[in-house]
PDB file of N, CA and C in Angstrom:
ATOM      1  N   UNK A   1      81.399  41.566 308.592  1.00  0.00           N
ATOM      2  CA  UNK A   1      80.225  41.459 307.751  1.00  0.00           C
ATOM      3  C   UNK A   1      80.074  40.011 307.316  1.00  0.00           C
ATOM      4  N   UNK A   2      78.861  39.531 307.406  1.00  0.00           N
ATOM      5  CA  UNK A   2      78.559  38.163 307.023  1.00  0.00           C
ATOM      6  C   UNK A   2      77.523  38.175 305.911  1.00  0.00           C
ATOM      7  N   UNK A   3      77.580  37.169 305.052  1.00  0.00           N
ATOM      8  CA  UNK A   3      76.638  37.072 303.944  1.00  0.00           C
ATOM      9  C   UNK A   3      75.245  36.644 304.401  1.00  0.00           C
ATOM     10  N   UNK A   4      75.176  35.956 305.543  1.00  0.00           N
ATOM     11  CA  UNK A   4      73.891  35.476 306.038  1.00  0.00           C
ATOM     12  C   UNK A   4      73.953  35.312 307.555  1.00  0.00           C
ATOM     13  N   UNK A   5      72.785  35.177 308.158  1.00  0.00           N
ATOM     14  CA  UNK A   5      72.725  34.936 309.596  1.00  0.00           C
ATOM     15  C   UNK A   5      73.345  33.584 309.937  1.00  0.00           C
ATOM     16  N   UNK A   6      73.151  32.595 309.033  1.00  0.00           N
ATOM     17  CA  UNK A   6      73.727  31.278 309.255  1.00  0.00           C
ATOM     18  C   UNK A   6      75.247  31.339 309.317  1.00  0.00           C
ATOM     19  N   UNK A   7      75.849  32.110 308.421  1.00  0.00           N
ATOM     20  CA  UNK A   7      77.308  32.245 308.418  1.00  0.00           C
ATOM     21  C   UNK A   7      77.781  32.919 309.705  1.00  0.00           C
ATOM     22  N   UNK A   8      77.047  33.891 310.170  1.00  0.00           N
ATOM     23  CA  UNK A   8      77.380  34.579 311.416  1.00  0.00           C
ATOM     24  C   UNK A   8      77.386  33.586 312.580  1.00  0.00           C
ATOM     25  N   UNK A   9      76.368  32.737 312.648  1.00  0.00           N
ATOM     26  CA  UNK A   9      76.276  31.738 313.705  1.00  0.00           C
ATOM     27  C   UNK A   9      77.408  30.726 313.573  1.00  0.00           C
ATOM     28  N   UNK A  10      77.685  30.263 312.360  1.00  0.00           N
ATOM     29  CA  UNK A  10      78.745  29.279 312.150  1.00  0.00           C
ATOM     30  C   UNK A  10      80.098  29.811 312.596  1.00  0.00           C
ATOM     31  N   UNK A  11      80.392  31.046 312.287  1.00  0.00           N
ATOM     32  CA  UNK A  11      81.666  31.650 312.706  1.00  0.00           C
ATOM     33  C   UNK A  11      81.725  31.786 314.224  1.00  0.00           C
ATOM     34  N   UNK A  12      80.620  32.179 314.818  1.00  0.00           N
ATOM     35  CA  UNK A  12      80.573  32.294 316.273  1.00  0.00           C
ATOM     36  C   UNK A  12      80.749  30.946 316.954  1.00  0.00           C
ATOM     37  N   UNK A  13      80.169  29.900 316.361  1.00  0.00           N
ATOM     38  CA  UNK A  13      80.288  28.567 316.950  1.00  0.00           C
ATOM     39  C   UNK A  13      81.724  28.065 316.922  1.00  0.00           C
ATOM     40  N   UNK A  14      82.484  28.442 315.905  1.00  0.00           N
ATOM     41  CA  UNK A  14      83.898  28.054 315.851  1.00  0.00           C
ATOM     42  C   UNK A  14      84.641  28.627 317.053  1.00  0.00           C
ATOM     43  N   UNK A  15      84.366  29.876 317.356  1.00  0.00           N
ATOM     44  CA  UNK A  15      85.003  30.544 318.488  1.00  0.00           C
ATOM     45  C   UNK A  15      84.564  29.921 319.809  1.00  0.00           C
ATOM     46  N   UNK A  16      83.266  29.670 319.951  1.00  0.00           N
ATOM     47  CA  UNK A  16      82.738  29.108 321.190  1.00  0.00           C
ATOM     48  C   UNK A  16      83.256  27.695 321.439  1.00  0.00           C
ATOM     49  N   UNK A  17      83.454  26.945 320.378  1.00  0.00           N
ATOM     50  CA  UNK A  17      83.947  25.575 320.543  1.00  0.00           C
ATOM     51  C   UNK A  17      85.346  25.558 321.166  1.00  0.00           C
ATOM     52  N   UNK A  18      86.165  26.515 320.807  1.00  0.00           N
ATOM     53  CA  UNK A  18      87.511  26.600 321.381  1.00  0.00           C
ATOM     54  C   UNK A  18      87.418  26.741 322.898  1.00  0.00           C
ATOM     55  N   UNK A  19      86.581  27.645 323.364  1.00  0.00           N
ATOM     56  CA  UNK A  19      86.413  27.832 324.804  1.00  0.00           C
ATOM     57  C   UNK A  19      85.817  26.612 325.469  1.00  0.00           C
ATOM     58  N   UNK A  20      84.889  25.982 324.783  1.00  0.00           N
ATOM     59  CA  UNK A  20      84.231  24.801 325.333  1.00  0.00           C
ATOM     60  C   UNK A  20      85.209  23.631 325.454  1.00  0.00           C
ATOM     61  N   UNK A  21      85.978  23.365 324.411  1.00  0.00           N
ATOM     62  CA  UNK A  21      86.870  22.209 324.405  1.00  0.00           C
ATOM     63  C   UNK A  21      88.175  22.449 325.161  1.00  0.00           C
ATOM     64  N   UNK A  22      88.775  23.614 324.987  1.00  0.00           N
ATOM     65  CA  UNK A  22      90.101  23.843 325.548  1.00  0.00           C
ATOM     66  C   UNK A  22      90.064  24.389 326.972  1.00  0.00           C
ATOM     67  N   UNK A  23      89.015  25.100 327.307  1.00  0.00           N
ATOM     68  CA  UNK A  23      88.964  25.732 328.627  1.00  0.00           C
ATOM     69  C   UNK A  23      87.824  25.212 329.487  1.00  0.00           C
ATOM     70  N   UNK A  24      87.056  24.261 328.936  1.00  0.00           N
ATOM     71  CA  UNK A  24      85.959  23.660 329.671  1.00  0.00           C
ATOM     72  C   UNK A  24      84.968  24.711 330.178  1.00  0.00           C
ATOM     73  N   UNK A  25      84.663  25.672 329.340  1.00  0.00           N
ATOM     74  CA  UNK A  25      83.745  26.749 329.711  1.00  0.00           C
ATOM     75  C   UNK A  25      82.325  26.417 329.280  1.00  0.00           C
ATOM     76  N   UNK A  26      81.360  26.896 330.017  1.00  0.00           N
ATOM     77  CA  UNK A  26      79.960  26.764 329.640  1.00  0.00           C
ATOM     78  C   UNK A  26      79.637  27.806 328.571  1.00  0.00           C
ATOM     79  N   UNK A  27      78.599  27.552 327.811  1.00  0.00           N
ATOM     80  CA  UNK A  27      78.224  28.428 326.706  1.00  0.00           C
ATOM     81  C   UNK A  27      76.774  28.855 326.874  1.00  0.00           C
ATOM     82  N   UNK A  28      76.527  30.140 326.733  1.00  0.00           N
ATOM     83  CA  UNK A  28      75.180  30.689 326.720  1.00  0.00           C
ATOM     84  C   UNK A  28      74.989  31.388 325.388  1.00  0.00           C
ATOM     85  N   UNK A  29      74.023  30.917 324.605  1.00  0.00           N
ATOM     86  CA  UNK A  29      73.694  31.571 323.334  1.00  0.00           C
ATOM     87  C   UNK A  29      72.341  32.245 323.488  1.00  0.00           C
ATOM     88  N   UNK A  30      72.308  33.534 323.252  1.00  0.00           N
ATOM     89  CA  UNK A  30      71.049  34.273 323.243  1.00  0.00           C
ATOM     90  C   UNK A  30      70.862  34.716 321.806  1.00  0.00           C
ATOM     91  N   UNK A  31      69.868  34.156 321.154  1.00  0.00           N
ATOM     92  CA  UNK A  31      69.758  34.345 319.715  1.00  0.00           C
ATOM     93  C   UNK A  31      68.319  34.556 319.287  1.00  0.00           C
ATOM     94  N   UNK A  32      68.134  35.473 318.374  1.00  0.00           N
ATOM     95  CA  UNK A  32      66.819  35.699 317.787  1.00  0.00           C
ATOM     96  C   UNK A  32      66.850  35.608 316.271  1.00  0.00           C
ATOM     97  N   UNK A  33      68.051  35.617 315.677  1.00  0.00           N
ATOM     98  CA  UNK A  33      68.149  35.645 314.218  1.00  0.00           C
ATOM     99  C   UNK A  33      67.700  34.346 313.561  1.00  0.00           C
ATOM    100  N   UNK A  34      67.942  33.219 314.203  1.00  0.00           N
ATOM    101  CA  UNK A  34      67.594  31.914 313.656  1.00  0.00           C
ATOM    102  C   UNK A  34      66.726  31.155 314.638  1.00  0.00           C
ATOM    103  N   UNK A  35      66.029  30.150 314.131  1.00  0.00           N
ATOM    104  CA  UNK A  35      65.229  29.314 315.032  1.00  0.00           C
ATOM    105  C   UNK A  35      66.157  28.468 315.894  1.00  0.00           C
ATOM    106  N   UNK A  36      65.642  28.011 317.004  1.00  0.00           N
ATOM    107  CA  UNK A  36      66.428  27.163 317.903  1.00  0.00           C
ATOM    108  C   UNK A  36      66.884  25.896 317.192  1.00  0.00           C
ATOM    109  N   UNK A  37      66.003  25.345 316.341  1.00  0.00           N
ATOM    110  CA  UNK A  37      66.371  24.133 315.600  1.00  0.00           C
ATOM    111  C   UNK A  37      67.539  24.383 314.659  1.00  0.00           C
ATOM    112  N   UNK A  38      67.552  25.541 313.998  1.00  0.00           N
ATOM    113  CA  UNK A  38      68.670  25.857 313.094  1.00  0.00           C
ATOM    114  C   UNK A  38      69.971  26.030 313.878  1.00  0.00           C
ATOM    115  N   UNK A  39      69.887  26.637 315.045  1.00  0.00           N
ATOM    116  CA  UNK A  39      71.077  26.805 315.876  1.00  0.00           C
ATOM    117  C   UNK A  39      71.580  25.440 316.337  1.00  0.00           C
ATOM    118  N   UNK A  40      70.671  24.609 316.789  1.00  0.00           N
ATOM    119  CA  UNK A  40      71.069  23.262 317.228  1.00  0.00           C
ATOM    120  C   UNK A  40      71.676  22.466 316.073  1.00  0.00           C
ATOM    121  N   UNK A  41      71.061  22.534 314.904  1.00  0.00           N
ATOM    122  CA  UNK A  41      71.609  21.828 313.740  1.00  0.00           C
ATOM    123  C   UNK A  41      72.982  22.366 313.359  1.00  0.00           C
ATOM    124  N   UNK A  42      73.186  23.663 313.494  1.00  0.00           N
ATOM    125  CA  UNK A  42      74.497  24.249 313.207  1.00  0.00           C
ATOM    126  C   UNK A  42      75.548  23.726 314.184  1.00  0.00           C
ATOM    127  N   UNK A  43      75.186  23.630 315.455  1.00  0.00           N
ATOM    128  CA  UNK A  43      76.125  23.093 316.446  1.00  0.00           C
ATOM    129  C   UNK A  43      76.468  21.648 316.100  1.00  0.00           C
ATOM    130  N   UNK A  44      75.462  20.841 315.827  1.00  0.00           N
ATOM    131  CA  UNK A  44      75.677  19.430 315.499  1.00  0.00           C
ATOM    132  C   UNK A  44      76.575  19.291 314.271  1.00  0.00           C
ATOM    133  N   UNK A  45      76.292  20.055 313.239  1.00  0.00           N
ATOM    134  CA  UNK A  45      77.064  19.952 311.995  1.00  0.00           C
ATOM    135  C   UNK A  45      78.466  20.525 312.125  1.00  0.00           C
ATOM    136  N   UNK A  46      78.596  21.694 312.737  1.00  0.00           N
ATOM    137  CA  UNK A  46      79.902  22.350 312.833  1.00  0.00           C
ATOM    138  C   UNK A  46      80.832  21.672 313.833  1.00  0.00           C
ATOM    139  N   UNK A  47      80.277  21.123 314.882  1.00  0.00           N
ATOM    140  CA  UNK A  47      81.085  20.485 315.912  1.00  0.00           C
ATOM    141  C   UNK A  47      81.232  18.993 315.663  1.00  0.00           C
ATOM    142  N   UNK A  48      80.506  18.493 314.653  1.00  0.00           N
ATOM    143  CA  UNK A  48      80.570  17.078 314.299  1.00  0.00           C
ATOM    144  C   UNK A  48      80.231  16.195 315.509  1.00  0.00           C
ATOM    145  N   UNK A  49      79.101  16.516 316.150  1.00  0.00           N
ATOM    146  CA  UNK A  49      78.627  15.723 317.279  1.00  0.00           C
ATOM    147  C   UNK A  49      77.250  15.178 316.932  1.00  0.00           C
ATOM    148  N   UNK A  50      76.803  14.222 317.702  1.00  0.00           N
ATOM    149  CA  UNK A  50      75.478  13.655 317.508  1.00  0.00           C
ATOM    150  C   UNK A  50      74.445  14.457 318.282  1.00  0.00           C
ATOM    151  N   UNK A  51      73.204  14.360 317.854  1.00  0.00           N
ATOM    152  CA  UNK A  51      72.123  15.079 318.516  1.00  0.00           C
ATOM    153  C   UNK A  51      72.030  14.698 319.993  1.00  0.00           C
ATOM    154  N   UNK A  52      72.231  13.419 320.300  1.00  0.00           N
ATOM    155  CA  UNK A  52      72.176  12.969 321.698  1.00  0.00           C
ATOM    156  C   UNK A  52      73.220  13.679 322.549  1.00  0.00           C
ATOM    157  N   UNK A  53      74.402  13.924 321.988  1.00  0.00           N
ATOM    158  CA  UNK A  53      75.450  14.626 322.728  1.00  0.00           C
ATOM    159  C   UNK A  53      75.028  16.047 323.052  1.00  0.00           C
ATOM    160  N   UNK A  54      74.430  16.723 322.067  1.00  0.00           N
ATOM    161  CA  UNK A  54      73.967  18.092 322.296  1.00  0.00           C
ATOM    162  C   UNK A  54      72.862  18.108 323.346  1.00  0.00           C
ATOM    163  N   UNK A  55      71.968  17.149 323.286  1.00  0.00           N
ATOM    164  CA  UNK A  55      70.888  17.074 324.275  1.00  0.00           C
ATOM    165  C   UNK A  55      71.470  16.936 325.678  1.00  0.00           C
ATOM    166  N   UNK A  56      72.485  16.092 325.833  1.00  0.00           N
ATOM    167  CA  UNK A  56      73.133  15.918 327.147  1.00  0.00           C
ATOM    168  C   UNK A  56      73.788  17.217 327.611  1.00  0.00           C
ATOM    169  N   UNK A  57      74.446  17.918 326.682  1.00  0.00           N
ATOM    170  CA  UNK A  57      75.097  19.181 327.034  1.00  0.00           C
ATOM    171  C   UNK A  57      74.075  20.228 327.471  1.00  0.00           C
ATOM    172  N   UNK A  58      72.930  20.240 326.814  1.00  0.00           N
ATOM    173  CA  UNK A  58      71.879  21.188 327.196  1.00  0.00           C
ATOM    174  C   UNK A  58      71.257  20.805 328.540  1.00  0.00           C
ATOM    175  N   UNK A  59      70.997  19.523 328.747  1.00  0.00           N
ATOM    176  CA  UNK A  59      70.392  19.087 330.004  1.00  0.00           C
ATOM    177  C   UNK A  59      71.312  19.363 331.192  1.00  0.00           C
ATOM    178  N   UNK A  60      72.616  19.255 330.973  1.00  0.00           N
ATOM    179  CA  UNK A  60      73.562  19.502 332.069  1.00  0.00           C
ATOM    180  C   UNK A  60      73.790  20.989 332.313  1.00  0.00           C
ATOM    181  N   UNK A  61      73.316  21.848 331.389  1.00  0.00           N
ATOM    182  CA  UNK A  61      73.517  23.287 331.523  1.00  0.00           C
ATOM    183  C   UNK A  61      74.842  23.764 330.982  1.00  0.00           C
ATOM    184  N   UNK A  62      75.591  22.858 330.346  1.00  0.00           N
ATOM    185  CA  UNK A  62      76.865  23.245 329.747  1.00  0.00           C
ATOM    186  C   UNK A  62      76.643  24.166 328.560  1.00  0.00           C
ATOM    187  N   UNK A  63      75.595  23.890 327.799  1.00  0.00           N
ATOM    188  CA  UNK A  63      75.190  24.754 326.690  1.00  0.00           C
ATOM    189  C   UNK A  63      73.748  25.175 326.951  1.00  0.00           C
ATOM    190  N   UNK A  64      73.509  26.472 326.924  1.00  0.00           N
ATOM    191  CA  UNK A  64      72.168  27.014 327.102  1.00  0.00           C
ATOM    192  C   UNK A  64      71.848  27.850 325.875  1.00  0.00           C
ATOM    193  N   UNK A  65      70.743  27.537 325.222  1.00  0.00           N
ATOM    194  CA  UNK A  65      70.321  28.265 324.024  1.00  0.00           C
ATOM    195  C   UNK A  65      68.961  28.874 324.340  1.00  0.00           C
ATOM    196  N   UNK A  66      68.878  30.190 324.267  1.00  0.00           N
ATOM    197  CA  UNK A  66      67.637  30.885 324.588  1.00  0.00           C
ATOM    198  C   UNK A  66      67.413  32.034 323.623  1.00  0.00           C
ATOM    199  N   UNK A  67      66.152  32.346 323.407  1.00  0.00           N
ATOM    200  CA  UNK A  67      65.790  33.580 322.713  1.00  0.00           C
ATOM    201  C   UNK A  67      65.934  34.707 323.730  1.00  0.00           C
ATOM    202  N   UNK A  68      66.156  35.902 323.238  1.00  0.00           N
ATOM    203  CA  UNK A  68      66.347  37.010 324.182  1.00  0.00           C
ATOM    204  C   UNK A  68      65.133  37.195 325.077  1.00  0.00           C
ATOM    205  N   UNK A  69      63.932  36.979 324.544  1.00  0.00           N
ATOM    206  CA  UNK A  69      62.730  37.139 325.383  1.00  0.00           C
ATOM    207  C   UNK A  69      62.677  36.087 326.484  1.00  0.00           C
ATOM    208  N   UNK A  70      63.158  34.879 326.222  1.00  0.00           N
ATOM    209  CA  UNK A  70      63.189  33.834 327.248  1.00  0.00           C
ATOM    210  C   UNK A  70      64.217  34.145 328.330  1.00  0.00           C
ATOM    211  N   UNK A  71      65.313  34.765 327.932  1.00  0.00           N
ATOM    212  CA  UNK A  71      66.386  35.035 328.877  1.00  0.00           C
ATOM    213  C   UNK A  71      66.101  36.278 329.715  1.00  0.00           C
ATOM    214  N   UNK A  72      65.675  37.350 329.050  1.00  0.00           N
ATOM    215  CA  UNK A  72      65.488  38.609 329.755  1.00  0.00           C
ATOM    216  C   UNK A  72      64.124  38.742 330.403  1.00  0.00           C
ATOM    217  N   UNK A  73      63.113  38.094 329.827  1.00  0.00           N
ATOM    218  CA  UNK A  73      61.755  38.188 330.347  1.00  0.00           C
ATOM    219  C   UNK A  73      61.232  36.777 330.602  1.00  0.00           C
ATOM    220  N   UNK A  74      61.764  36.117 331.601  1.00  0.00           N
ATOM    221  CA  UNK A  74      61.440  34.723 331.839  1.00  0.00           C
ATOM    222  C   UNK A  74      59.970  34.491 332.148  1.00  0.00           C
ATOM    223  N   UNK A  75      59.290  35.479 332.710  1.00  0.00           N
ATOM    224  CA  UNK A  75      57.868  35.336 332.987  1.00  0.00           C
ATOM    225  C   UNK A  75      57.009  35.983 331.908  1.00  0.00           C
ATOM    226  N   UNK A  76      57.653  36.340 330.785  1.00  0.00           N
ATOM    227  CA  UNK A  76      57.006  36.939 329.609  1.00  0.00           C
ATOM    228  C   UNK A  76      56.473  38.347 329.862  1.00  0.00           C
ATOM    229  N   UNK A  77      56.719  38.898 331.042  1.00  0.00           N
ATOM    230  CA  UNK A  77      56.268  40.250 331.348  1.00  0.00           C
ATOM    231  C   UNK A  77      57.488  41.080 331.730  1.00  0.00           C
ATOM    232  N   UNK A  78      57.787  42.129 330.966  1.00  0.00           N
ATOM    233  CA  UNK A  78      58.927  42.980 331.357  1.00  0.00           C
ATOM    234  C   UNK A  78      58.707  43.556 332.742  1.00  0.00           C
ATOM    235  N   UNK A  79      59.755  43.506 333.549  1.00  0.00           N
ATOM    236  CA  UNK A  79      59.639  43.986 334.911  1.00  0.00           C
ATOM    237  C   UNK A  79      60.780  44.962 335.171  1.00  0.00           C
ATOM    238  N   UNK A  80      60.445  46.235 335.326  1.00  0.00           N
ATOM    239  CA  UNK A  80      61.478  47.246 335.580  1.00  0.00           C
ATOM    240  C   UNK A  80      62.058  47.066 336.942  1.00  0.00           C
TER     241      UNK A  80
END
């Protein structure tokens, strides 16, 4: 149980950072609870990195942040 959606994301980011740093794993975040900007700001603040670093990680595909509709319905039309 978390007091807020932000706390939930912050705790999850701690776990994801371990995999990212120690195991060199890529990260996929599918999130609807917070805006993309809030998620990005949480990563920057919690991981103590600069915005430019996060931009590079996203451009390389190491970190992918998507809303569920962007991930599951890429053409915006559900397709059975």
